[in-house]
Amino acid sequence: MNSYQESQSDLEVILEFLEEYYRQNATEKGASVDERFASLEAESCEHRWMCYEPPIIKHEPLLAHITPPALGHNTAVTLSERGSLPNFVSTTQPTKHTAGSGGKVRLFHFLFEMLEDPNMAHCVSWVPASAGVFRFSSTNKDQVAALWGQRKGNKRPMTYQKMSRALRNYARSGEIFKVKKKLTYQFSQETLMILQKYQRGDL
């Protein structure tokens, strides 16, 4: 009986030793694997860093994509918008219009046409032309206004009262001024010269 107990005790000691041995062996192997993996990871990162080449980016000049606009018939409009031309100078090619033709002109252009038309002398006339002063007829002034309304394409008839308000607005821009005499106005010298050149086709 005693020999059996001693044998059992020896087996237990051996088993405990083996368990401890395998436990330590497994721990050392795990640590070795972790260290080896960490070493490989570090070498891989270092290799990628050493072999990395930044991409080559070609920078094209910015001005290469900017093409200057072609100079054409819109150049005058652009200059007028930027203030390089007087705002009362027509930026389109000169075209002579007659009253009622439906052409799009500004009021002072229209009045100059009426003043240069002998058939309209009974409605509006120069007093004198050299100074750019003109006067509406007290009896026929509404005829000029009606023709101006037709030129604009208004559905409602234009009256002299409405047209005179537009004339007063020209005083702010310096194109037409109101003279103290009744129904009398005056073109500025610069505007008159522009209109005369426009009529001759010099513009």
N, C-alpha and C. Protein backbone atom coordinates (compact mmCIF):
# COMPACT_ATOMS: atom_id res chain seq x y z
N MET A 1 0.82 -1.19 0.00
CA MET A 1 0.00 0.00 0.00
C MET A 1 0.85 1.24 0.00
N ASN A 2 1.91 1.22 0.75
CA ASN A 2 2.78 2.38 0.80
C ASN A 2 3.49 2.58 -0.52
N SER A 3 3.89 1.51 -1.14
CA SER A 3 4.57 1.63 -2.44
C SER A 3 3.63 2.19 -3.51
N TYR A 4 2.37 1.85 -3.41
CA TYR A 4 1.39 2.38 -4.38
C TYR A 4 1.23 3.88 -4.21
N GLN A 5 1.16 4.35 -3.00
CA GLN A 5 1.00 5.77 -2.74
C GLN A 5 2.23 6.54 -3.18
N GLU A 6 3.38 5.93 -2.97
CA GLU A 6 4.61 6.61 -3.39
C GLU A 6 4.66 6.72 -4.90
N SER A 7 4.23 5.65 -5.60
CA SER A 7 4.22 5.70 -7.07
C SER A 7 3.25 6.76 -7.58
N GLN A 8 2.11 6.84 -6.91
CA GLN A 8 1.11 7.86 -7.32
C GLN A 8 1.65 9.26 -7.10
N SER A 9 2.35 9.44 -6.00
CA SER A 9 2.92 10.76 -5.72
C SER A 9 3.97 11.13 -6.75
N ASP A 10 4.77 10.14 -7.13
CA ASP A 10 5.79 10.40 -8.15
C ASP A 10 5.15 10.80 -9.48
N LEU A 11 4.07 10.13 -9.83
CA LEU A 11 3.37 10.46 -11.08
C LEU A 11 2.80 11.88 -11.05
N GLU A 12 2.27 12.23 -9.92
CA GLU A 12 1.72 13.59 -9.80
C GLU A 12 2.81 14.63 -9.95
N VAL A 13 3.96 14.35 -9.36
CA VAL A 13 5.08 15.30 -9.47
C VAL A 13 5.53 15.42 -10.91
N ILE A 14 5.60 14.25 -11.59
CA ILE A 14 6.02 14.26 -13.00
C ILE A 14 5.03 15.04 -13.86
N LEU A 15 3.75 14.79 -13.61
CA LEU A 15 2.71 15.50 -14.38
C LEU A 15 2.78 17.01 -14.16
N GLU A 16 2.97 17.40 -12.90
CA GLU A 16 3.08 18.83 -12.61
C GLU A 16 4.29 19.43 -13.31
N PHE A 17 5.40 18.67 -13.33
CA PHE A 17 6.61 19.16 -13.98
C PHE A 17 6.39 19.33 -15.48
N LEU A 18 5.72 18.30 -16.06
CA LEU A 18 5.46 18.37 -17.50
C LEU A 18 4.54 19.55 -17.85
N GLU A 19 3.51 19.71 -17.02
CA GLU A 19 2.60 20.84 -17.27
C GLU A 19 3.34 22.17 -17.19
N GLU A 20 4.19 22.29 -16.15
CA GLU A 20 4.95 23.54 -16.00
C GLU A 20 5.91 23.74 -17.17
N TYR A 21 6.51 22.62 -17.62
CA TYR A 21 7.46 22.71 -18.73
C TYR A 21 6.76 23.16 -20.02
N TYR A 22 5.63 22.50 -20.30
CA TYR A 22 4.90 22.87 -21.52
C TYR A 22 4.36 24.31 -21.46
N ARG A 23 3.98 24.70 -20.23
CA ARG A 23 3.45 26.08 -20.09
C ARG A 23 4.55 27.11 -20.36
N GLN A 24 5.73 26.88 -19.78
CA GLN A 24 6.84 27.80 -20.01
C GLN A 24 7.28 27.78 -21.47
N ASN A 25 7.31 26.58 -22.04
CA ASN A 25 7.73 26.45 -23.44
C ASN A 25 6.77 27.19 -24.37
N ALA A 26 5.46 27.04 -24.08
CA ALA A 26 4.47 27.73 -24.92
C ALA A 26 4.58 29.25 -24.78
N THR A 27 4.85 29.73 -23.56
CA THR A 27 4.98 31.17 -23.33
C THR A 27 6.18 31.73 -24.07
N GLU A 28 7.32 30.99 -23.99
CA GLU A 28 8.53 31.45 -24.67
C GLU A 28 8.34 31.46 -26.18
N LYS A 29 7.64 30.44 -26.71
CA LYS A 29 7.40 30.41 -28.16
C LYS A 29 6.50 31.56 -28.60
N GLY A 30 5.47 31.84 -27.76
CA GLY A 30 4.57 32.96 -28.11
C GLY A 30 5.31 34.28 -28.12
N ALA A 31 6.18 34.48 -27.11
CA ALA A 31 6.95 35.72 -27.06
C ALA A 31 7.89 35.81 -28.23
N SER A 32 8.48 34.66 -28.59
CA SER A 32 9.40 34.66 -29.73
C SER A 32 8.67 35.00 -31.02
N VAL A 33 7.47 34.43 -31.15
CA VAL A 33 6.68 34.73 -32.36
C VAL A 33 6.31 36.20 -32.41
N ASP A 34 5.89 36.77 -31.25
CA ASP A 34 5.53 38.19 -31.21
C ASP A 34 6.71 39.06 -31.58
N GLU A 35 7.91 38.71 -31.01
CA GLU A 35 9.09 39.51 -31.32
C GLU A 35 9.45 39.40 -32.79
N ARG A 36 9.34 38.17 -33.33
CA ARG A 36 9.67 37.97 -34.75
C ARG A 36 8.70 38.74 -35.64
N PHE A 37 7.41 38.71 -35.28
CA PHE A 37 6.41 39.43 -36.07
C PHE A 37 6.64 40.95 -36.02
N ALA A 38 6.97 41.43 -34.81
CA ALA A 38 7.23 42.86 -34.67
C ALA A 38 8.45 43.26 -35.48
N SER A 39 9.49 42.38 -35.48
CA SER A 39 10.69 42.67 -36.26
C SER A 39 10.38 42.72 -37.74
N LEU A 40 9.57 41.74 -38.21
CA LEU A 40 9.21 41.72 -39.63
C LEU A 40 8.37 42.94 -40.00
N GLU A 41 7.47 43.33 -39.10
CA GLU A 41 6.62 44.50 -39.38
C GLU A 41 7.46 45.76 -39.48
N ALA A 42 8.44 45.89 -38.58
CA ALA A 42 9.31 47.07 -38.62
C ALA A 42 10.12 47.09 -39.90
N GLU A 43 10.66 45.90 -40.29
CA GLU A 43 11.44 45.85 -41.52
C GLU A 43 10.58 46.17 -42.73
N SER A 44 9.31 45.70 -42.71
CA SER A 44 8.41 45.97 -43.84
C SER A 44 8.10 47.46 -43.96
N CYS A 45 7.84 48.10 -42.81
CA CYS A 45 7.56 49.55 -42.83
C CYS A 45 8.77 50.33 -43.31
N GLU A 46 9.95 49.92 -42.80
CA GLU A 46 11.16 50.63 -43.22
C GLU A 46 11.41 50.45 -44.70
N HIS A 47 11.13 49.23 -45.21
CA HIS A 47 11.32 48.97 -46.63
C HIS A 47 10.36 49.81 -47.48
N ARG A 48 9.11 49.89 -47.04
CA ARG A 48 8.13 50.71 -47.79
C ARG A 48 8.52 52.18 -47.77
N TRP A 49 9.03 52.64 -46.63
CA TRP A 49 9.42 54.06 -46.52
C TRP A 49 10.62 54.37 -47.42
N MET A 50 11.59 53.42 -47.45
CA MET A 50 12.78 53.65 -48.26
C MET A 50 12.46 53.57 -49.74
N CYS A 51 11.50 52.73 -50.11
CA CYS A 51 11.18 52.53 -51.53
C CYS A 51 10.11 53.47 -52.05
N TYR A 52 9.54 54.30 -51.18
CA TYR A 52 8.44 55.18 -51.62
C TYR A 52 8.98 56.30 -52.51
N GLU A 53 8.34 56.49 -53.60
CA GLU A 53 8.69 57.59 -54.50
C GLU A 53 7.46 58.47 -54.69
N PRO A 54 7.56 59.73 -54.35
CA PRO A 54 6.38 60.61 -54.50
C PRO A 54 5.98 60.73 -55.96
N PRO A 55 4.67 60.82 -56.23
CA PRO A 55 4.20 60.94 -57.63
C PRO A 55 4.64 62.26 -58.24
N ILE A 56 4.94 62.24 -59.50
CA ILE A 56 5.36 63.44 -60.22
C ILE A 56 4.11 64.14 -60.76
N ILE A 57 3.90 65.36 -60.32
CA ILE A 57 2.74 66.15 -60.75
C ILE A 57 3.22 67.24 -61.69
N LYS A 58 2.66 67.25 -62.86
CA LYS A 58 3.02 68.27 -63.85
C LYS A 58 2.13 69.49 -63.67
N HIS A 59 2.75 70.61 -63.40
CA HIS A 59 2.01 71.87 -63.23
C HIS A 59 2.07 72.65 -64.54
N GLU A 60 0.91 72.76 -65.18
CA GLU A 60 0.87 73.54 -66.42
C GLU A 60 0.67 75.01 -66.08
N PRO A 61 1.24 75.88 -66.86
CA PRO A 61 1.07 77.32 -66.59
C PRO A 61 -0.40 77.71 -66.60
N LEU A 62 -0.75 78.55 -65.62
CA LEU A 62 -2.14 78.99 -65.52
C LEU A 62 -2.58 79.77 -66.73
N LEU A 63 -1.69 80.58 -67.28
CA LEU A 63 -2.06 81.42 -68.41
C LEU A 63 -2.31 80.62 -69.66
N ALA A 64 -1.87 79.36 -69.67
CA ALA A 64 -2.07 78.55 -70.88
C ALA A 64 -3.54 78.26 -71.11
N HIS A 65 -4.34 78.29 -70.01
CA HIS A 65 -5.77 77.99 -70.16
C HIS A 65 -6.59 79.25 -70.37
N ILE A 66 -5.96 80.40 -70.28
CA ILE A 66 -6.70 81.65 -70.43
C ILE A 66 -6.48 82.18 -71.82
N THR A 67 -7.54 82.22 -72.59
CA THR A 67 -7.46 82.70 -73.96
C THR A 67 -8.09 84.08 -74.04
N PRO A 68 -7.37 85.07 -74.49
CA PRO A 68 -7.97 86.41 -74.58
C PRO A 68 -9.13 86.41 -75.54
N PRO A 69 -10.21 87.13 -75.20
CA PRO A 69 -11.37 87.15 -76.08
C PRO A 69 -11.04 87.81 -77.41
N ALA A 70 -11.63 87.25 -78.43
CA ALA A 70 -11.41 87.81 -79.76
C ALA A 70 -12.08 89.16 -79.87
N LEU A 71 -11.36 90.10 -80.46
CA LEU A 71 -11.91 91.43 -80.65
C LEU A 71 -12.88 91.41 -81.82
N GLY A 72 -14.09 91.80 -81.54
CA GLY A 72 -15.10 91.79 -82.61
C GLY A 72 -16.08 92.91 -82.40
N HIS A 73 -17.30 92.67 -82.85
CA HIS A 73 -18.28 93.74 -82.79
C HIS A 73 -18.74 93.99 -81.36
N ASN A 74 -18.46 93.07 -80.40
CA ASN A 74 -18.87 93.28 -79.02
C ASN A 74 -17.86 94.08 -78.21
N THR A 75 -16.73 94.40 -78.82
CA THR A 75 -15.69 95.12 -78.09
C THR A 75 -16.18 96.48 -77.62
N ALA A 76 -16.89 97.17 -78.47
CA ALA A 76 -17.38 98.50 -78.10
C ALA A 76 -18.35 98.42 -76.95
N VAL A 77 -19.17 97.36 -76.91
CA VAL A 77 -20.11 97.20 -75.82
C VAL A 77 -19.37 97.00 -74.51
N THR A 78 -18.30 96.17 -74.54
CA THR A 78 -17.51 95.94 -73.33
C THR A 78 -16.85 97.22 -72.85
N LEU A 79 -16.32 98.00 -73.78
CA LEU A 79 -15.68 99.26 -73.39
C LEU A 79 -16.69 100.22 -72.80
N SER A 80 -17.88 100.22 -73.36
CA SER A 80 -18.91 101.12 -72.84
C SER A 80 -19.31 100.72 -71.44
N GLU A 81 -19.42 99.39 -71.18
CA GLU A 81 -19.80 98.93 -69.86
C GLU A 81 -18.73 99.27 -68.83
N ARG A 82 -17.46 99.29 -69.25
CA ARG A 82 -16.37 99.58 -68.31
C ARG A 82 -16.09 101.06 -68.20
N GLY A 83 -16.81 101.87 -68.92
CA GLY A 83 -16.64 103.30 -68.78
C GLY A 83 -15.62 103.91 -69.70
N SER A 84 -15.09 103.16 -70.68
CA SER A 84 -14.10 103.71 -71.59
C SER A 84 -14.73 104.56 -72.67
N LEU A 85 -16.03 104.39 -72.89
CA LEU A 85 -16.74 105.19 -73.87
C LEU A 85 -17.84 105.96 -73.17
N PRO A 86 -18.21 107.13 -73.65
CA PRO A 86 -19.35 107.85 -73.06
C PRO A 86 -20.60 106.99 -73.17
N ASN A 87 -21.44 107.03 -72.12
CA ASN A 87 -22.60 106.15 -72.12
C ASN A 87 -23.65 106.56 -73.13
N PHE A 88 -23.51 107.74 -73.76
CA PHE A 88 -24.50 108.13 -74.75
C PHE A 88 -24.05 107.82 -76.16
N VAL A 89 -22.85 107.27 -76.33
CA VAL A 89 -22.38 106.92 -77.66
C VAL A 89 -22.94 105.55 -78.03
N SER A 90 -23.56 105.45 -79.16
CA SER A 90 -24.10 104.17 -79.61
C SER A 90 -22.96 103.21 -79.89
N THR A 91 -23.03 102.00 -79.35
CA THR A 91 -21.97 101.02 -79.53
C THR A 91 -22.25 100.07 -80.67
N THR A 92 -23.35 100.26 -81.38
CA THR A 92 -23.64 99.44 -82.54
C THR A 92 -23.24 100.19 -83.79
N GLN A 93 -23.19 99.51 -84.91
CA GLN A 93 -22.83 100.16 -86.14
C GLN A 93 -23.89 101.18 -86.53
N PRO A 94 -23.50 102.33 -87.06
CA PRO A 94 -24.47 103.38 -87.36
C PRO A 94 -25.46 102.94 -88.41
N THR A 95 -26.72 103.16 -88.09
CA THR A 95 -27.80 102.86 -89.02
C THR A 95 -28.79 104.00 -88.95
N LYS A 96 -29.07 104.58 -90.07
CA LYS A 96 -29.99 105.71 -90.10
C LYS A 96 -31.42 105.18 -90.06
N HIS A 97 -32.21 105.77 -89.14
CA HIS A 97 -33.60 105.37 -88.98
C HIS A 97 -34.50 106.54 -89.36
N THR A 98 -35.66 106.21 -89.79
CA THR A 98 -36.68 107.23 -90.02
C THR A 98 -37.78 107.02 -89.02
N ALA A 99 -38.55 108.05 -88.75
CA ALA A 99 -39.60 107.97 -87.75
C ALA A 99 -40.58 106.87 -88.13
N GLY A 100 -40.90 106.02 -87.12
CA GLY A 100 -41.87 104.97 -87.35
C GLY A 100 -41.29 103.73 -88.00
N SER A 101 -39.98 103.66 -88.19
CA SER A 101 -39.39 102.50 -88.85
C SER A 101 -39.25 101.32 -87.90
N GLY A 102 -39.43 101.56 -86.59
CA GLY A 102 -39.34 100.47 -85.63
C GLY A 102 -37.93 100.23 -85.15
N GLY A 103 -36.94 101.04 -85.60
CA GLY A 103 -35.57 100.85 -85.15
C GLY A 103 -35.43 101.25 -83.70
N LYS A 104 -34.54 100.57 -82.98
CA LYS A 104 -34.35 100.85 -81.57
C LYS A 104 -33.31 101.93 -81.40
N VAL A 105 -33.73 103.13 -81.05
CA VAL A 105 -32.82 104.25 -80.80
C VAL A 105 -33.23 104.92 -79.50
N ARG A 106 -32.34 105.71 -78.97
CA ARG A 106 -32.65 106.47 -77.75
C ARG A 106 -33.37 107.75 -78.12
N LEU A 107 -33.99 108.36 -77.13
CA LEU A 107 -34.85 109.51 -77.37
C LEU A 107 -34.09 110.67 -78.01
N PHE A 108 -32.87 110.95 -77.55
CA PHE A 108 -32.17 112.10 -78.13
C PHE A 108 -31.74 111.83 -79.57
N HIS A 109 -31.50 110.54 -79.92
CA HIS A 109 -31.27 110.21 -81.33
C HIS A 109 -32.52 110.48 -82.15
N PHE A 110 -33.66 110.05 -81.61
CA PHE A 110 -34.93 110.22 -82.31
C PHE A 110 -35.24 111.70 -82.53
N LEU A 111 -35.03 112.52 -81.50
CA LEU A 111 -35.31 113.96 -81.64
C LEU A 111 -34.39 114.60 -82.67
N PHE A 112 -33.14 114.17 -82.71
CA PHE A 112 -32.23 114.72 -83.70
C PHE A 112 -32.70 114.37 -85.11
N GLU A 113 -33.22 113.16 -85.29
CA GLU A 113 -33.77 112.78 -86.60
C GLU A 113 -34.96 113.66 -86.97
N MET A 114 -35.83 113.91 -86.00
CA MET A 114 -36.99 114.77 -86.25
C MET A 114 -36.56 116.19 -86.62
N LEU A 115 -35.55 116.69 -85.94
CA LEU A 115 -35.06 118.05 -86.21
C LEU A 115 -34.42 118.15 -87.59
N GLU A 116 -33.81 117.07 -88.05
CA GLU A 116 -33.17 117.08 -89.36
C GLU A 116 -34.15 116.76 -90.49
N ASP A 117 -35.39 116.42 -90.15
CA ASP A 117 -36.41 116.13 -91.15
C ASP A 117 -37.24 117.39 -91.42
N PRO A 118 -37.16 117.96 -92.62
CA PRO A 118 -37.93 119.19 -92.91
C PRO A 118 -39.43 119.00 -92.76
N ASN A 119 -39.91 117.79 -92.94
CA ASN A 119 -41.35 117.55 -92.83
C ASN A 119 -41.85 117.62 -91.39
N MET A 120 -40.92 117.64 -90.43
CA MET A 120 -41.32 117.71 -89.02
C MET A 120 -41.09 119.08 -88.42
N ALA A 121 -40.79 120.06 -89.26
CA ALA A 121 -40.50 121.42 -88.77
C ALA A 121 -41.69 122.04 -88.06
N HIS A 122 -42.90 121.62 -88.41
CA HIS A 122 -44.08 122.19 -87.77
C HIS A 122 -44.31 121.61 -86.37
N CYS A 123 -43.53 120.59 -86.01
CA CYS A 123 -43.66 119.97 -84.68
C CYS A 123 -42.48 120.32 -83.76
N VAL A 124 -41.26 120.30 -84.30
CA VAL A 124 -40.07 120.61 -83.53
C VAL A 124 -39.04 121.19 -84.49
N SER A 125 -38.31 122.21 -84.04
CA SER A 125 -37.38 122.90 -84.95
C SER A 125 -36.19 123.44 -84.17
N TRP A 126 -35.08 123.69 -84.93
CA TRP A 126 -33.88 124.28 -84.36
C TRP A 126 -34.09 125.77 -84.11
N VAL A 127 -33.49 126.28 -82.98
CA VAL A 127 -33.57 127.73 -82.71
C VAL A 127 -32.32 128.22 -81.96
N PRO A 128 -31.13 128.28 -82.52
CA PRO A 128 -30.74 127.82 -83.85
C PRO A 128 -30.06 126.46 -83.76
N ALA A 129 -29.76 125.88 -84.92
CA ALA A 129 -29.15 124.56 -84.96
C ALA A 129 -27.70 124.58 -84.50
N SER A 130 -26.98 125.68 -84.78
CA SER A 130 -25.55 125.74 -84.45
C SER A 130 -25.30 125.62 -82.96
N ALA A 131 -26.24 126.10 -82.16
CA ALA A 131 -26.08 126.03 -80.71
C ALA A 131 -26.69 124.77 -80.12
N GLY A 132 -27.35 123.98 -80.96
CA GLY A 132 -27.98 122.76 -80.46
C GLY A 132 -29.27 122.99 -79.71
N VAL A 133 -29.87 124.19 -79.88
CA VAL A 133 -31.11 124.52 -79.18
C VAL A 133 -32.29 124.18 -80.08
N PHE A 134 -33.33 123.57 -79.54
CA PHE A 134 -34.52 123.24 -80.32
C PHE A 134 -35.77 123.48 -79.46
N ARG A 135 -36.88 123.67 -80.16
CA ARG A 135 -38.13 123.99 -79.47
C ARG A 135 -39.27 123.19 -80.07
N PHE A 136 -40.15 122.71 -79.21
CA PHE A 136 -41.34 122.00 -79.65
C PHE A 136 -42.46 122.99 -79.96
N SER A 137 -43.28 122.65 -80.93
CA SER A 137 -44.46 123.46 -81.24
C SER A 137 -45.51 123.25 -80.16
N SER A 138 -46.09 124.32 -79.70
CA SER A 138 -47.09 124.21 -78.63
C SER A 138 -48.34 123.47 -79.09
N THR A 139 -48.63 123.51 -80.38
CA THR A 139 -49.84 122.87 -80.90
C THR A 139 -49.59 121.45 -81.42
N ASN A 140 -48.36 121.16 -81.82
CA ASN A 140 -48.08 119.86 -82.45
C ASN A 140 -47.06 119.01 -81.68
N LYS A 141 -46.77 119.42 -80.46
CA LYS A 141 -45.75 118.68 -79.69
C LYS A 141 -46.16 117.24 -79.42
N ASP A 142 -47.48 117.00 -79.28
CA ASP A 142 -47.92 115.64 -79.01
C ASP A 142 -47.73 114.71 -80.21
N GLN A 143 -47.62 115.28 -81.40
CA GLN A 143 -47.37 114.44 -82.58
C GLN A 143 -45.97 113.80 -82.49
N VAL A 144 -45.02 114.60 -82.02
CA VAL A 144 -43.66 114.06 -81.83
C VAL A 144 -43.67 112.96 -80.78
N ALA A 145 -44.41 113.22 -79.69
CA ALA A 145 -44.49 112.21 -78.63
C ALA A 145 -45.15 110.92 -79.13
N ALA A 146 -46.20 111.07 -79.96
CA ALA A 146 -46.89 109.89 -80.49
C ALA A 146 -45.96 109.08 -81.39
N LEU A 147 -45.16 109.77 -82.20
CA LEU A 147 -44.21 109.07 -83.07
C LEU A 147 -43.14 108.36 -82.24
N TRP A 148 -42.73 108.99 -81.16
CA TRP A 148 -41.74 108.36 -80.28
C TRP A 148 -42.32 107.10 -79.62
N GLY A 149 -43.58 107.16 -79.23
CA GLY A 149 -44.23 105.98 -78.66
C GLY A 149 -44.31 104.84 -79.67
N GLN A 150 -44.59 105.18 -80.94
CA GLN A 150 -44.62 104.16 -81.98
C GLN A 150 -43.24 103.55 -82.19
N ARG A 151 -42.21 104.41 -82.16
CA ARG A 151 -40.85 103.92 -82.35
C ARG A 151 -40.46 102.93 -81.24
N LYS A 152 -40.89 103.22 -80.02
CA LYS A 152 -40.58 102.34 -78.90
C LYS A 152 -41.43 101.08 -78.90
N GLY A 153 -42.54 101.12 -79.64
CA GLY A 153 -43.42 99.96 -79.66
C GLY A 153 -44.39 99.92 -78.49
N ASN A 154 -44.68 101.10 -77.91
CA ASN A 154 -45.62 101.15 -76.78
C ASN A 154 -47.03 100.81 -77.24
N LYS A 155 -47.75 100.10 -76.38
CA LYS A 155 -49.15 99.80 -76.69
C LYS A 155 -50.04 101.01 -76.41
N ARG A 156 -49.70 101.75 -75.38
CA ARG A 156 -50.46 102.96 -75.05
C ARG A 156 -49.82 104.16 -75.74
N PRO A 157 -50.64 105.14 -76.13
CA PRO A 157 -50.10 106.31 -76.82
C PRO A 157 -49.20 107.13 -75.90
N MET A 158 -48.09 107.60 -76.44
CA MET A 158 -47.16 108.45 -75.70
C MET A 158 -47.65 109.89 -75.73
N THR A 159 -47.51 110.58 -74.61
CA THR A 159 -47.88 112.00 -74.53
C THR A 159 -46.63 112.84 -74.35
N TYR A 160 -46.76 114.13 -74.64
CA TYR A 160 -45.62 115.03 -74.47
C TYR A 160 -45.20 115.10 -73.01
N GLN A 161 -46.18 115.03 -72.10
CA GLN A 161 -45.86 115.10 -70.68
C GLN A 161 -44.94 113.96 -70.26
N LYS A 162 -45.25 112.75 -70.74
CA LYS A 162 -44.39 111.61 -70.41
C LYS A 162 -43.02 111.75 -71.07
N MET A 163 -43.00 112.21 -72.31
CA MET A 163 -41.74 112.37 -73.02
C MET A 163 -40.87 113.43 -72.37
N SER A 164 -41.49 114.50 -71.86
CA SER A 164 -40.72 115.57 -71.23
C SER A 164 -40.04 115.09 -69.95
N ARG A 165 -40.66 114.14 -69.26
CA ARG A 165 -40.01 113.58 -68.07
C ARG A 165 -38.72 112.86 -68.45
N ALA A 166 -38.77 112.13 -69.57
CA ALA A 166 -37.55 111.46 -70.05
C ALA A 166 -36.49 112.49 -70.44
N LEU A 167 -36.92 113.61 -71.02
CA LEU A 167 -35.97 114.66 -71.39
C LEU A 167 -35.30 115.25 -70.16
N ARG A 168 -36.06 115.41 -69.08
CA ARG A 168 -35.47 115.96 -67.86
C ARG A 168 -34.43 115.00 -67.27
N ASN A 169 -34.64 113.71 -67.47
CA ASN A 169 -33.65 112.74 -66.97
C ASN A 169 -32.32 112.86 -67.71
N TYR A 170 -32.38 113.30 -68.98
CA TYR A 170 -31.15 113.48 -69.74
C TYR A 170 -30.28 114.58 -69.16
N ALA A 171 -30.90 115.52 -68.44
CA ALA A 171 -30.11 116.59 -67.83
C ALA A 171 -29.15 116.03 -66.79
N ARG A 172 -29.52 114.94 -66.15
CA ARG A 172 -28.65 114.34 -65.14
C ARG A 172 -27.41 113.71 -65.78
N SER A 173 -27.59 113.15 -66.97
CA SER A 173 -26.46 112.53 -67.66
C SER A 173 -25.70 113.52 -68.53
N GLY A 174 -26.21 114.76 -68.64
CA GLY A 174 -25.49 115.80 -69.37
C GLY A 174 -25.62 115.73 -70.88
N GLU A 175 -26.70 115.17 -71.40
CA GLU A 175 -26.88 115.06 -72.85
C GLU A 175 -27.81 116.14 -73.39
N ILE A 176 -28.89 116.40 -72.67
CA ILE A 176 -29.85 117.44 -73.06
C ILE A 176 -30.18 118.27 -71.82
N PHE A 177 -30.23 119.58 -72.00
CA PHE A 177 -30.54 120.49 -70.90
C PHE A 177 -31.82 121.26 -71.21
N LYS A 178 -32.57 121.59 -70.15
CA LYS A 178 -33.78 122.40 -70.31
C LYS A 178 -33.38 123.86 -70.32
N VAL A 179 -33.86 124.55 -71.35
CA VAL A 179 -33.63 125.99 -71.46
C VAL A 179 -34.79 126.71 -70.78
N LYS A 180 -34.53 127.92 -70.29
CA LYS A 180 -35.56 128.65 -69.54
C LYS A 180 -36.80 128.95 -70.37
N LYS A 181 -36.62 129.05 -71.67
CA LYS A 181 -37.78 129.33 -72.51
C LYS A 181 -38.71 128.12 -72.54
N LYS A 182 -39.98 128.39 -72.76
CA LYS A 182 -40.99 127.34 -72.75
C LYS A 182 -40.78 126.37 -73.91
N LEU A 183 -40.91 125.07 -73.63
CA LEU A 183 -40.82 123.99 -74.63
C LEU A 183 -39.47 123.98 -75.36
N THR A 184 -38.43 124.52 -74.73
CA THR A 184 -37.14 124.65 -75.39
C THR A 184 -36.07 123.85 -74.63
N TYR A 185 -35.25 123.16 -75.40
CA TYR A 185 -34.19 122.33 -74.84
C TYR A 185 -32.91 122.55 -75.65
N GLN A 186 -31.81 122.03 -75.12
CA GLN A 186 -30.52 122.20 -75.80
C GLN A 186 -29.67 120.94 -75.64
N PHE A 187 -29.12 120.47 -76.77
CA PHE A 187 -28.14 119.38 -76.72
C PHE A 187 -26.83 119.92 -76.17
N SER A 188 -26.12 119.13 -75.40
CA SER A 188 -24.77 119.52 -75.02
C SER A 188 -23.89 119.52 -76.26
N GLN A 189 -22.82 120.29 -76.24
CA GLN A 189 -21.95 120.39 -77.42
C GLN A 189 -21.35 119.03 -77.78
N GLU A 190 -20.98 118.27 -76.79
CA GLU A 190 -20.39 116.96 -77.06
C GLU A 190 -21.42 116.02 -77.68
N THR A 191 -22.65 116.04 -77.13
CA THR A 191 -23.71 115.19 -77.69
C THR A 191 -24.05 115.61 -79.11
N LEU A 192 -24.10 116.92 -79.35
CA LEU A 192 -24.43 117.41 -80.69
C LEU A 192 -23.38 116.97 -81.70
N MET A 193 -22.11 117.05 -81.33
CA MET A 193 -21.05 116.62 -82.24
C MET A 193 -21.15 115.12 -82.53
N ILE A 194 -21.46 114.34 -81.52
CA ILE A 194 -21.61 112.89 -81.71
C ILE A 194 -22.76 112.60 -82.66
N LEU A 195 -23.88 113.27 -82.48
CA LEU A 195 -25.05 113.04 -83.33
C LEU A 195 -24.79 113.46 -84.77
N GLN A 196 -24.07 114.56 -84.95
CA GLN A 196 -23.75 115.01 -86.31
C GLN A 196 -22.82 114.02 -87.01
N LYS A 197 -21.83 113.51 -86.29
CA LYS A 197 -20.95 112.50 -86.87
C LYS A 197 -21.72 111.21 -87.15
N TYR A 198 -22.63 110.88 -86.27
CA TYR A 198 -23.46 109.69 -86.45
C TYR A 198 -24.29 109.81 -87.72
N GLN A 199 -24.82 111.01 -87.95
CA GLN A 199 -25.65 111.23 -89.14
C GLN A 199 -24.83 111.13 -90.42
N ARG A 200 -23.59 111.64 -90.36
CA ARG A 200 -22.72 111.59 -91.55
C ARG A 200 -22.14 110.19 -91.78
N GLY A 201 -22.27 109.33 -90.79
CA GLY A 201 -21.71 107.98 -90.92
C GLY A 201 -20.26 107.92 -90.52
N ASP A 202 -19.77 108.94 -89.78
CA ASP A 202 -18.38 108.94 -89.35
C ASP A 202 -18.16 108.04 -88.14
N LEU A 203 -19.23 107.60 -87.49
CA LEU A 203 -19.09 106.74 -86.32
C LEU A 203 -19.49 105.32 -86.67
